[in-house]
C-alpha atoms as a PDB file:
ATOM      1  CA  MET A   1       7.493  22.566  -7.283  1.00  0.00           C
ATOM      2  CA  LYS A   2       4.637  20.548  -5.838  1.00  0.00           C
ATOM      3  CA  LEU A   3       5.160  16.788  -5.864  1.00  0.00           C
ATOM      4  CA  ALA A   4       2.130  14.616  -4.985  1.00  0.00           C
ATOM      5  CA  VAL A   5       3.275  11.430  -3.221  1.00  0.00           C
ATOM      6  CA  MET A   6       0.836   8.527  -3.320  1.00  0.00           C
ATOM      7  CA  GLY A   7       1.343   5.068  -1.869  1.00  0.00           C
ATOM      8  CA  ASP A   8      -0.450   1.895  -0.821  1.00  0.00           C
ATOM      9  CA  ILE A   9      -3.476   2.181  -3.089  1.00  0.00           C
ATOM     10  CA  HIS A  10      -4.364  -1.514  -2.698  1.00  0.00           C
ATOM     11  CA  GLY A  11      -6.852  -1.471  -5.548  1.00  0.00           C
ATOM     12  CA  ASN A  12      -9.011   1.264  -4.035  1.00  0.00           C
ATOM     13  CA  HIS A  13      -9.622   3.118  -7.280  1.00  0.00           C
ATOM     14  CA  VAL A  14     -12.360   5.263  -5.708  1.00  0.00           C
ATOM     15  CA  ALA A  15      -9.976   6.712  -3.108  1.00  0.00           C
ATOM     16  CA  LEU A  16      -7.257   7.074  -5.761  1.00  0.00           C
ATOM     17  CA  GLU A  17      -9.564   9.105  -8.005  1.00  0.00           C
ATOM     18  CA  THR A  18     -10.394  11.359  -5.062  1.00  0.00           C
ATOM     19  CA  CYS A  19      -6.740  11.977  -4.176  1.00  0.00           C
ATOM     20  CA  ILE A  20      -5.650  12.616  -7.772  1.00  0.00           C
ATOM     21  CA  ARG A  21      -8.487  15.070  -8.287  1.00  0.00           C
ATOM     22  CA  HIS A  22      -7.501  16.881  -5.085  1.00  0.00           C
ATOM     23  CA  ALA A  23      -3.811  16.978  -6.079  1.00  0.00           C
ATOM     24  CA  LEU A  24      -4.675  18.461  -9.467  1.00  0.00           C
ATOM     25  CA  GLU A  25      -6.842  21.090  -7.779  1.00  0.00           C
ATOM     26  CA  LYS A  26      -3.804  21.902  -5.615  1.00  0.00           C
ATOM     27  CA  GLU A  27      -1.812  22.280  -8.866  1.00  0.00           C
ATOM     28  CA  ALA A  28       0.597  19.409  -8.300  1.00  0.00           C
ATOM     29  CA  ASP A  29       3.396  19.480 -10.876  1.00  0.00           C
ATOM     30  CA  GLU A  30       4.494  15.840 -10.646  1.00  0.00           C
ATOM     31  CA  PHE A  31       3.338  12.558  -9.109  1.00  0.00           C
ATOM     32  CA  LEU A  32       5.364   9.980  -7.212  1.00  0.00           C
ATOM     33  CA  PHE A  33       3.740   6.558  -6.759  1.00  0.00           C
ATOM     34  CA  LEU A  34       5.251   4.324  -4.059  1.00  0.00           C
ATOM     35  CA  GLY A  35       3.809   0.927  -5.007  1.00  0.00           C
ATOM     36  CA  ASP A  36       1.195  -1.500  -3.691  1.00  0.00           C
ATOM     37  CA  TYR A  37      -1.134  -0.422  -6.462  1.00  0.00           C
ATOM     38  CA  ILE A  38      -3.262  -3.543  -6.161  1.00  0.00           C
ATOM     39  CA  SER A  39      -4.743  -6.284  -3.924  1.00  0.00           C
ATOM     40  CA  ASP A  40      -7.277  -6.192  -1.071  1.00  0.00           C
ATOM     41  CA  CYS A  41      -9.914  -4.077  -2.845  1.00  0.00           C
ATOM     42  CA  PRO A  42     -12.101  -5.034  -5.845  1.00  0.00           C
ATOM     43  CA  TYR A  43     -11.482  -4.426  -9.528  1.00  0.00           C
ATOM     44  CA  PRO A  44      -7.682  -3.964  -9.618  1.00  0.00           C
ATOM     45  CA  GLN A  45      -7.966  -3.421 -13.376  1.00  0.00           C
ATOM     46  CA  LYS A  46      -9.724  -0.101 -12.694  1.00  0.00           C
ATOM     47  CA  THR A  47      -6.802   1.062 -10.567  1.00  0.00           C
ATOM     48  CA  MET A  48      -4.317   0.034 -13.260  1.00  0.00           C
ATOM     49  CA  GLN A  49      -6.307   1.939 -15.882  1.00  0.00           C
ATOM     50  CA  ILE A  50      -5.908   5.086 -13.766  1.00  0.00           C
ATOM     51  CA  ILE A  51      -2.184   4.427 -13.330  1.00  0.00           C
ATOM     52  CA  TYR A  52      -1.679   4.115 -17.097  1.00  0.00           C
ATOM     53  CA  GLU A  53      -3.674   7.291 -17.715  1.00  0.00           C
ATOM     54  CA  MET A  54      -1.510   9.159 -15.210  1.00  0.00           C
ATOM     55  CA  LYS A  55       1.611   7.768 -16.880  1.00  0.00           C
ATOM     56  CA  ARG A  56       0.430   9.096 -20.266  1.00  0.00           C
ATOM     57  CA  ASN A  57      -0.792  12.501 -19.145  1.00  0.00           C
ATOM     58  CA  TYR A  58       1.507  13.669 -16.329  1.00  0.00           C
ATOM     59  CA  ARG A  59       5.094  13.574 -15.179  1.00  0.00           C
ATOM     60  CA  CYS A  60       5.060  10.510 -12.928  1.00  0.00           C
ATOM     61  CA  TYR A  61       7.588   8.345 -11.099  1.00  0.00           C
ATOM     62  CA  PHE A  62       6.731   4.735 -10.277  1.00  0.00           C
ATOM     63  CA  ILE A  63       8.193   2.037  -8.066  1.00  0.00           C
ATOM     64  CA  ARG A  64       6.691  -1.291  -7.100  1.00  0.00           C
ATOM     65  CA  GLY A  65       5.675  -2.624  -3.693  1.00  0.00           C
ATOM     66  CA  ASN A  66       5.500  -6.030  -2.066  1.00  0.00           C
ATOM     67  CA  ARG A  67       2.025  -6.690  -3.528  1.00  0.00           C
ATOM     68  CA  GLU A  68       3.400  -6.297  -7.041  1.00  0.00           C
ATOM     69  CA  ASP A  69       6.244  -8.625  -6.094  1.00  0.00           C
ATOM     70  CA  TYR A  70       3.651 -11.226  -5.019  1.00  0.00           C
ATOM     71  CA  MET A  71       2.039 -11.037  -8.463  1.00  0.00           C
ATOM     72  CA  ILE A  72       5.382 -11.296 -10.285  1.00  0.00           C
ATOM     73  CA  ASN A  73       6.432 -14.286  -8.176  1.00  0.00           C
ATOM     74  CA  HIS A  74       3.082 -16.008  -8.731  1.00  0.00           C
ATOM     75  CA  ARG A  75       3.422 -15.685 -12.496  1.00  0.00           C
ATOM     76  CA  ASN A  76       6.956 -17.049 -12.329  1.00  0.00           C
ATOM     77  CA  LYS A  77       5.941 -19.922 -10.023  1.00  0.00           C
ATOM     78  CA  PRO A  78       2.704 -21.400 -11.387  1.00  0.00           C
ATOM     79  CA  GLN A  79       2.977 -24.243  -8.885  1.00  0.00           C
ATOM     80  CA  GLU A  80       2.369 -21.793  -6.040  1.00  0.00           C
ATOM     81  CA  ARG A  81      -1.092 -22.616  -4.699  1.00  0.00           C
ATOM     82  CA  TRP A  82      -3.515 -19.828  -3.926  1.00  0.00           C
ATOM     83  CA  THR A  83      -7.130 -20.732  -3.149  1.00  0.00           C
ATOM     84  CA  TYR A  84     -10.389 -18.883  -2.818  1.00  0.00           C
ATOM     85  CA  SER A  85     -10.429 -18.536   0.951  1.00  0.00           C
ATOM     86  CA  SER A  86      -9.875 -15.884   3.598  1.00  0.00           C
ATOM     87  CA  SER A  87      -6.167 -16.767   3.579  1.00  0.00           C
ATOM     88  CA  SER A  88      -5.260 -16.250  -0.087  1.00  0.00           C
ATOM     89  CA  GLY A  89      -8.508 -15.518  -1.903  1.00  0.00           C
ATOM     90  CA  SER A  90      -7.818 -11.805  -2.215  1.00  0.00           C
ATOM     91  CA  LEU A  91      -4.444 -12.480  -3.816  1.00  0.00           C
ATOM     92  CA  LEU A  92      -5.919 -15.012  -6.240  1.00  0.00           C
ATOM     93  CA  TYR A  93      -8.794 -12.703  -7.158  1.00  0.00           C
ATOM     94  CA  THR A  94      -6.334  -9.877  -7.813  1.00  0.00           C
ATOM     95  CA  TYR A  95      -4.052 -12.031  -9.950  1.00  0.00           C
ATOM     96  CA  GLU A  96      -6.946 -13.296 -12.062  1.00  0.00           C
ATOM     97  CA  ASN A  97      -8.104  -9.725 -12.716  1.00  0.00           C
ATOM     98  CA  LEU A  98      -4.705  -8.482 -13.893  1.00  0.00           C
ATOM     99  CA  SER A  99      -3.317  -8.692 -17.406  1.00  0.00           C
ATOM    100  CA  GLU A 100       0.094  -9.701 -18.665  1.00  0.00           C
ATOM    101  CA  LYS A 101       0.628  -6.016 -19.432  1.00  0.00           C
ATOM    102  CA  ASP A 102       0.106  -5.193 -15.758  1.00  0.00           C
ATOM    103  CA  ILE A 103       2.633  -7.707 -14.483  1.00  0.00           C
ATOM    104  CA  ASP A 104       5.105  -6.701 -17.204  1.00  0.00           C
ATOM    105  CA  PHE A 105       4.747  -3.141 -15.919  1.00  0.00           C
ATOM    106  CA  TYR A 106       5.521  -4.246 -12.364  1.00  0.00           C
ATOM    107  CA  GLU A 107       8.623  -6.072 -13.572  1.00  0.00           C
ATOM    108  CA  SER A 108       9.795  -2.960 -15.427  1.00  0.00           C
ATOM    109  CA  ILE A 109       9.999  -0.778 -12.311  1.00  0.00           C
ATOM    110  CA  ASP A 110      12.288  -0.942  -9.280  1.00  0.00           C
ATOM    111  CA  ILE A 111      11.490  -1.062  -5.558  1.00  0.00           C
ATOM    112  CA  ARG A 112      13.372   2.215  -5.003  1.00  0.00           C
ATOM    113  CA  GLY A 113      14.311   5.436  -6.719  1.00  0.00           C
ATOM    114  CA  LEU A 114      16.340   8.637  -6.488  1.00  0.00           C
ATOM    115  CA  TYR A 115      14.636  11.948  -7.152  1.00  0.00           C
ATOM    116  CA  ARG A 116      17.193  14.210  -8.784  1.00  0.00           C
ATOM    117  CA  LYS A 117      16.313  17.392 -10.643  1.00  0.00           C
ATOM    118  CA  GLU A 118      18.438  20.441 -11.264  1.00  0.00           C
ATOM    119  CA  GLY A 119      17.621  23.194  -8.814  1.00  0.00           C
ATOM    120  CA  TYR A 120      16.055  20.867  -6.236  1.00  0.00           C
ATOM    121  CA  SER A 121      17.383  18.797  -3.337  1.00  0.00           C
ATOM    122  CA  ASP A 122      17.919  15.089  -3.961  1.00  0.00           C
ATOM    123  CA  PHE A 123      15.976  12.507  -1.977  1.00  0.00           C
ATOM    124  CA  ARG A 124      15.497   8.767  -2.118  1.00  0.00           C
ATOM    125  CA  TYR A 125      12.201   6.921  -2.089  1.00  0.00           C
ATOM    126  CA  CYS A 126      11.065   3.324  -1.702  1.00  0.00           C
ATOM    127  CA  HIS A 127       8.057   1.222  -0.860  1.00  0.00           C
ATOM    128  CA  GLY A 128       9.410  -0.791   2.074  1.00  0.00           C
ATOM    129  CA  SER A 129      13.111  -0.054   2.324  1.00  0.00           C
ATOM    130  CA  LEU A 130      15.878   0.564  -0.194  1.00  0.00           C
ATOM    131  CA  THR A 131      16.727  -3.152  -0.182  1.00  0.00           C
ATOM    132  CA  SER A 132      13.383  -4.906   0.362  1.00  0.00           C
ATOM    133  CA  SER A 133       9.829  -4.162  -0.746  1.00  0.00           C
ATOM    134  CA  ASN A 134       8.541  -5.875   2.402  1.00  0.00           C
ATOM    135  CA  GLU A 135      10.634  -4.196   5.114  1.00  0.00           C
ATOM    136  CA  LEU A 136       8.857  -1.822   7.475  1.00  0.00           C
ATOM    137  CA  LEU A 137      10.800   1.328   8.318  1.00  0.00           C
ATOM    138  CA  LEU A 138       9.416   1.785  11.818  1.00  0.00           C
ATOM    139  CA  PRO A 139      11.199   2.607  15.103  1.00  0.00           C
ATOM    140  CA  ASP A 140      11.057  -1.023  16.300  1.00  0.00           C
ATOM    141  CA  ASN A 141      13.018  -2.163  13.236  1.00  0.00           C
ATOM    142  CA  PRO A 142      16.481  -3.078  14.611  1.00  0.00           C
ATOM    143  CA  ASN A 143      18.056  -1.871  11.351  1.00  0.00           C
ATOM    144  CA  MET A 144      16.575   1.634  11.474  1.00  0.00           C
ATOM    145  CA  GLU A 145      19.544   3.517  12.916  1.00  0.00           C
ATOM    146  CA  SER A 146      21.935   1.850  10.483  1.00  0.00           C
ATOM    147  CA  ILE A 147      19.628   2.422   7.492  1.00  0.00           C
ATOM    148  CA  MET A 148      19.318   6.123   8.196  1.00  0.00           C
ATOM    149  CA  GLU A 149      22.958   6.613   9.181  1.00  0.00           C
ATOM    150  CA  ASN A 150      24.124   5.074   5.887  1.00  0.00           C
ATOM    151  CA  LEU A 151      21.642   7.024   3.772  1.00  0.00           C
ATOM    152  CA  ASP A 152      23.552   9.050   1.151  1.00  0.00           C
ATOM    153  CA  VAL A 153      20.941  11.845   1.082  1.00  0.00           C
ATOM    154  CA  ASP A 154      19.197  13.744   3.867  1.00  0.00           C
ATOM    155  CA  LEU A 155      15.605  12.734   3.077  1.00  0.00           C
ATOM    156  CA  LEU A 156      13.952   9.333   2.572  1.00  0.00           C
ATOM    157  CA  ILE A 157      10.305   8.808   1.556  1.00  0.00           C
ATOM    158  CA  SER A 158       8.855   5.362   2.317  1.00  0.00           C
ATOM    159  CA  GLY A 159       5.455   3.699   2.013  1.00  0.00           C
ATOM    160  CA  HIS A 160       4.253   0.298   3.274  1.00  0.00           C
ATOM    161  CA  THR A 161       3.545   1.353   6.884  1.00  0.00           C
ATOM    162  CA  HIS A 162       0.086   2.843   6.196  1.00  0.00           C
ATOM    163  CA  ILE A 163       1.010   5.468   8.783  1.00  0.00           C
ATOM    164  CA  GLN A 164       1.260   9.151   7.952  1.00  0.00           C
ATOM    165  CA  GLU A 165       4.191  10.696   9.798  1.00  0.00           C
ATOM    166  CA  SER A 166       7.677  12.177   9.628  1.00  0.00           C
ATOM    167  CA  LYS A 167      10.534  11.314  11.961  1.00  0.00           C
ATOM    168  CA  MET A 168      14.095  12.533  12.448  1.00  0.00           C
ATOM    169  CA  TYR A 169      17.051  10.161  12.774  1.00  0.00           C
ATOM    170  CA  GLY A 170      19.981  12.364  13.664  1.00  0.00           C
ATOM    171  CA  SER A 171      20.222  14.955  10.897  1.00  0.00           C
ATOM    172  CA  LYS A 172      18.210  12.859   8.416  1.00  0.00           C
ATOM    173  CA  LYS A 173      14.481  12.702   7.887  1.00  0.00           C
ATOM    174  CA  LEU A 174      12.131   9.821   7.094  1.00  0.00           C
ATOM    175  CA  ILE A 175       8.612  10.551   5.829  1.00  0.00           C
ATOM    176  CA  HIS A 176       5.712   8.130   5.431  1.00  0.00           C
ATOM    177  CA  PRO A 177       2.904   9.622   3.291  1.00  0.00           C
ATOM    178  CA  GLY A 178       0.214   7.221   4.573  1.00  0.00           C
ATOM    179  CA  SER A 179      -2.062   4.967   2.542  1.00  0.00           C
ATOM    180  CA  ILE A 180      -4.510   5.999  -0.138  1.00  0.00           C
ATOM    181  CA  GLY A 181      -6.429   2.738  -0.278  1.00  0.00           C
ATOM    182  CA  ILE A 182      -6.293   1.062   3.165  1.00  0.00           C
ATOM    183  CA  PRO A 183      -5.632   4.067   5.413  1.00  0.00           C
ATOM    184  CA  TRP A 184      -5.015   3.714   9.127  1.00  0.00           C
ATOM    185  CA  TYR A 185      -6.384   6.233  11.625  1.00  0.00           C
ATOM    186  CA  TYR A 186      -8.210   9.484  10.761  1.00  0.00           C
ATOM    187  CA  ASN A 187     -11.473   7.476  10.763  1.00  0.00           C
ATOM    188  CA  GLY A 188     -10.442   5.790   7.534  1.00  0.00           C
ATOM    189  CA  LYS A 189      -9.852   8.933   5.485  1.00  0.00           C
ATOM    190  CA  SER A 190      -7.664   8.434   2.430  1.00  0.00           C
ATOM    191  CA  GLN A 191      -4.131   9.794   2.842  1.00  0.00           C
ATOM    192  CA  TYR A 192      -1.473  11.191   0.565  1.00  0.00           C
ATOM    193  CA  MET A 193       1.195  13.887   0.756  1.00  0.00           C
ATOM    194  CA  ILE A 194       2.352  16.905  -1.210  1.00  0.00           C
ATOM    195  CA  LEU A 195       6.051  17.750  -1.051  1.00  0.00           C
ATOM    196  CA  HIS A 196       6.646  21.481  -1.537  1.00  0.00           C
ATOM    197  CA  SER A 197      10.078  22.618  -2.631  1.00  0.00           C
ATOM    198  CA  THR A 198      11.413  25.255  -0.259  1.00  0.00           C
ATOM    199  CA  ASP A 199      14.515  27.216   0.641  1.00  0.00           C
ATOM    200  CA  CYS A 200      13.317  27.542   4.221  1.00  0.00           C
ATOM    201  CA  ASN A 201      14.702  24.297   5.652  1.00  0.00           C
ATOM    202  CA  TYR A 202      17.757  22.089   5.448  1.00  0.00           C
ATOM    203  CA  PHE A 203      16.043  19.367   3.377  1.00  0.00           C
ATOM    204  CA  GLY A 204      14.780  21.562   0.546  1.00  0.00           C
ATOM    205  CA  TRP A 205      11.301  20.061   0.857  1.00  0.00           C
ATOM    206  CA  GLU A 206       8.361  20.601   3.185  1.00  0.00           C
ATOM    207  CA  GLU A 207       5.716  17.893   3.607  1.00  0.00           C
ATOM    208  CA  GLU A 208       1.988  18.587   3.648  1.00  0.00           C
ATOM    209  CA  PHE A 209      -0.050  15.640   4.926  1.00  0.00           C
ATOM    210  CA  ILE A 210      -3.551  15.380   3.482  1.00  0.00           C
ATOM    211  CA  GLN A 211      -6.543  13.286   4.596  1.00  0.00           C
ATOM    212  CA  LEU A 212      -9.663  13.096   2.448  1.00  0.00           C
ATOM    213  CA  GLY A 213     -13.087  11.573   2.785  1.00  0.00           C
ATOM    214  CA  TYR A 214     -14.339   9.552  -0.188  1.00  0.00           C
ATOM    215  CA  ASP A 215     -17.250   7.281  -1.142  1.00  0.00           C
ATOM    216  CA  VAL A 216     -16.576   4.260   1.080  1.00  0.00           C
ATOM    217  CA  CYS A 217     -20.107   2.955   0.468  1.00  0.00           C
ATOM    218  CA  ARG A 218     -19.288   2.653  -3.233  1.00  0.00           C
ATOM    219  CA  VAL A 219     -16.225   0.542  -2.427  1.00  0.00           C
ATOM    220  CA  LYS A 220     -18.223  -1.666  -0.023  1.00  0.00           C
ATOM    221  CA  LYS A 221     -20.794  -2.321  -2.750  1.00  0.00           C
ATOM    222  CA  GLU A 222     -18.006  -3.307  -5.140  1.00  0.00           C
ATOM    223  CA  PHE A 223     -16.824  -5.961  -2.657  1.00  0.00           C
ATOM    224  CA  GLU A 224     -20.242  -7.593  -3.034  1.00  0.00           C
ATOM    225  CA  ASP A 225     -20.704  -6.985  -6.765  1.00  0.00           C
ATOM    226  CA  SER A 226     -17.248  -8.277  -7.680  1.00  0.00           C
ATOM    227  CA  GLY A 227     -17.566 -11.519  -5.717  1.00  0.00           C
ATOM    228  CA  LEU A 228     -14.495 -10.694  -3.623  1.00  0.00           C
ATOM    229  CA  LEU A 229     -16.531 -10.814  -0.419  1.00  0.00           C
ATOM    230  CA  GLN A 230     -17.439 -14.418  -1.206  1.00  0.00           C
ATOM    231  CA  LYS A 231     -13.977 -15.413  -2.438  1.00  0.00           C
ATOM    232  CA  ALA A 232     -12.063 -14.116   0.600  1.00  0.00           C
ATOM    233  CA  PRO A 233     -14.840 -13.798   3.228  1.00  0.00           C
ATOM    234  CA  PHE A 234     -13.247 -12.788   6.519  1.00  0.00           C
ATOM    235  CA  TRP A 235     -10.222 -11.107   4.966  1.00  0.00           C
ATOM    236  CA  ALA A 236     -12.553  -8.952   2.885  1.00  0.00           C
ATOM    237  CA  LYS A 237     -14.727  -8.169   5.912  1.00  0.00           C
ATOM    238  CA  SER A 238     -11.610  -7.122   7.851  1.00  0.00           C
ATOM    239  CA  VAL A 239     -10.556  -4.815   5.006  1.00  0.00           C
ATOM    240  CA  ILE A 240     -14.026  -3.261   4.910  1.00  0.00           C
ATOM    241  CA  HIS A 241     -13.770  -2.636   8.656  1.00  0.00           C
ATOM    242  CA  THR A 242     -10.501  -0.778   8.079  1.00  0.00           C
ATOM    243  CA  LEU A 243     -12.056   1.308   5.314  1.00  0.00           C
ATOM    244  CA  GLU A 244     -14.911   2.280   7.622  1.00  0.00           C
ATOM    245  CA  THR A 245     -12.908   2.979  10.785  1.00  0.00           C
ATOM    246  CA  GLY A 246      -9.186   3.259  10.090  1.00  0.00           C
ATOM    247  CA  GLU A 247      -8.648   0.268  12.429  1.00  0.00           C
ATOM    248  CA  ASP A 248      -6.648  -2.546  10.856  1.00  0.00           C
ATOM    249  CA  TYR A 249      -7.052  -6.122  12.113  1.00  0.00           C
ATOM    250  CA  THR A 250      -6.161  -8.075   8.982  1.00  0.00           C
ATOM    251  CA  THR A 251      -2.765  -9.277  10.217  1.00  0.00           C
ATOM    252  CA  PRO A 252      -3.935  -9.998  13.804  1.00  0.00           C
ATOM    253  CA  CYS A 253      -6.873 -11.991  12.391  1.00  0.00           C
ATOM    254  CA  LEU A 254      -4.509 -14.019  10.206  1.00  0.00           C
ATOM    255  CA  ARG A 255      -2.153 -14.728  13.097  1.00  0.00           C
ATOM    256  CA  LEU A 256      -4.950 -15.771  15.443  1.00  0.00           C
ATOM    257  CA  ALA A 257      -6.551 -17.997  12.798  1.00  0.00           C
ATOM    258  CA  MET A 258      -3.191 -19.711  12.232  1.00  0.00           C
ATOM    259  CA  ASN A 259      -2.626 -20.181  15.967  1.00  0.00           C
ATOM    260  CA  LEU A 260      -6.112 -21.641  16.455  1.00  0.00           C
ATOM    261  CA  CYS A 261      -5.549 -24.014  13.568  1.00  0.00           C
ATOM    262  CA  LYS A 262      -2.231 -25.165  14.983  1.00  0.00           C
ATOM    263  CA  GLU A 263      -3.646 -25.660  18.473  1.00  0.00           C
ATOM    264  CA  GLU A 264      -6.533 -27.816  17.281  1.00  0.00           C
ATOM    265  CA  GLU A 265      -4.972 -29.647  14.341  1.00  0.00           C
ATOM    266  CA  SER A 266      -1.284 -29.656  15.442  1.00  0.00           C
ATOM    267  CA  VAL A 267      -0.197 -28.270  12.078  1.00  0.00           C
ATOM    268  CA  VAL A 268      -0.875 -25.190  10.000  1.00  0.00           C
ATOM    269  CA  ASN A 269       0.094 -24.741   6.379  1.00  0.00           C
ATOM    270  CA  TRP A 270      -0.834 -21.424   4.772  1.00  0.00           C
ATOM    271  CA  PRO A 271      -3.129 -21.032   2.879  1.00  0.00           C
ATOM    272  CA  ASP A 272      -4.906 -24.135   4.230  1.00  0.00           C
ATOM    273  CA  ILE A 273      -6.541 -22.463   7.222  1.00  0.00           C
ATOM    274  CA  PRO A 274     -10.181 -23.560   7.612  1.00  0.00           C
ATOM    275  CA  GLU A 275     -12.727 -20.757   7.571  1.00  0.00           C
ATOM    276  CA  LYS A 276     -13.990 -21.722  11.036  1.00  0.00           C
ATOM    277  CA  TYR A 277     -10.763 -20.400  12.547  1.00  0.00           C
ATOM    278  CA  TRP A 278     -11.022 -17.214  10.519  1.00  0.00           C
ATOM    279  CA  LYS A 279     -14.557 -16.731  11.805  1.00  0.00           C
ATOM    280  CA  ILE A 280     -13.428 -17.030  15.420  1.00  0.00           C
ATOM    281  CA  ALA A 281     -10.520 -14.638  14.824  1.00  0.00           C
ATOM    282  CA  TYR A 282     -12.721 -12.097  13.076  1.00  0.00           C
ATOM    283  CA  LYS A 283     -15.282 -12.109  15.881  1.00  0.00           C
ATOM    284  CA  HIS A 284     -12.507 -11.803  18.447  1.00  0.00           C
ATOM    285  CA  TYR A 285     -11.175  -8.563  16.975  1.00  0.00           C
ATOM    286  CA  ILE A 286     -14.188  -7.060  15.231  1.00  0.00           C
ATOM    287  CA  LYS A 287     -17.312  -7.159  17.377  1.00  0.00           C
END
C-alpha cells in the first residue's frame, strides 16, 4: 500500500498538479488530503476542481482545515467584515471565488479522521489537532505530551505546521507531511509524503518525504492576472516571497503591522490596519 498524504495546498493548484502527477507516477494507491485546500494563492476554484476530480477518480480521504472553517464561519456570519486590504483581502478574494458547493463540501467533512483498513495498522490524522483545526502540534505546544500520551493509536499524521518532519513522543509517532502550496524551507519546493505499508517497524507504516520543484513563475503571474496582488497587496507579496524562498514572514508582518498601528493610533481593530503599517512591516522583514 502506498498512501499519498497531501496537506496545506492553500489554493496553489500548480503545485498540487505537480504533486499529484508525481504520486501517480510513484503508483500511489490512495490519497489522504489534510485540509487547507484554499486561500492565499489565486484561483481557488481551480484547486477545488482538482479536488473534485480526485474524489471522482481515486480512493481519497478528506478532512478540512482552519481555512475551510474560516469560509464556513463567514457564510454563517454575513455581518463579519472582510475588506480588500493586506489584512483580510486574501480571505475575501477566496470567499468570493468559491461556490456554495465548495462550502457545502467543507461542512460535510470533519477536522480529523481514523484510517482503518483490514490488514493495515490504524492511525489517526488531522489538520491541526484532533480537537481543533487551528492548533499547532509543535514541541512548544504545552499540550503536546498530553495529546500524544492520550492518543489511542501509535501514529498521528498532522498538517497545519508547513514543516516536513517526524518526531517521537515516547512510543508514539507524530508526522507532519509539509505543505504543498506554501512550503517552508527546501528553497520553496512543494512538499508531500507517501506512507508505505511495512512489516519492518512497530508502526506498520514508513514515511517518505518528497520535495518537488514546480512552475513558481506561473503562480506569480496568476497573482497579477487574478487581481489578488492588488486586493491584498503586502500579504500577497509576502506569500510570493515564501513561494520563491521557503521563508515565511506573513504572520510576523501581520503582528508588526498591528503593533505599529497600536503604537501610533492607540487602538488596532483587525482588519482595519492601514496599508502604511503593512508597508513598513513588509520592508522590515523582506528587503
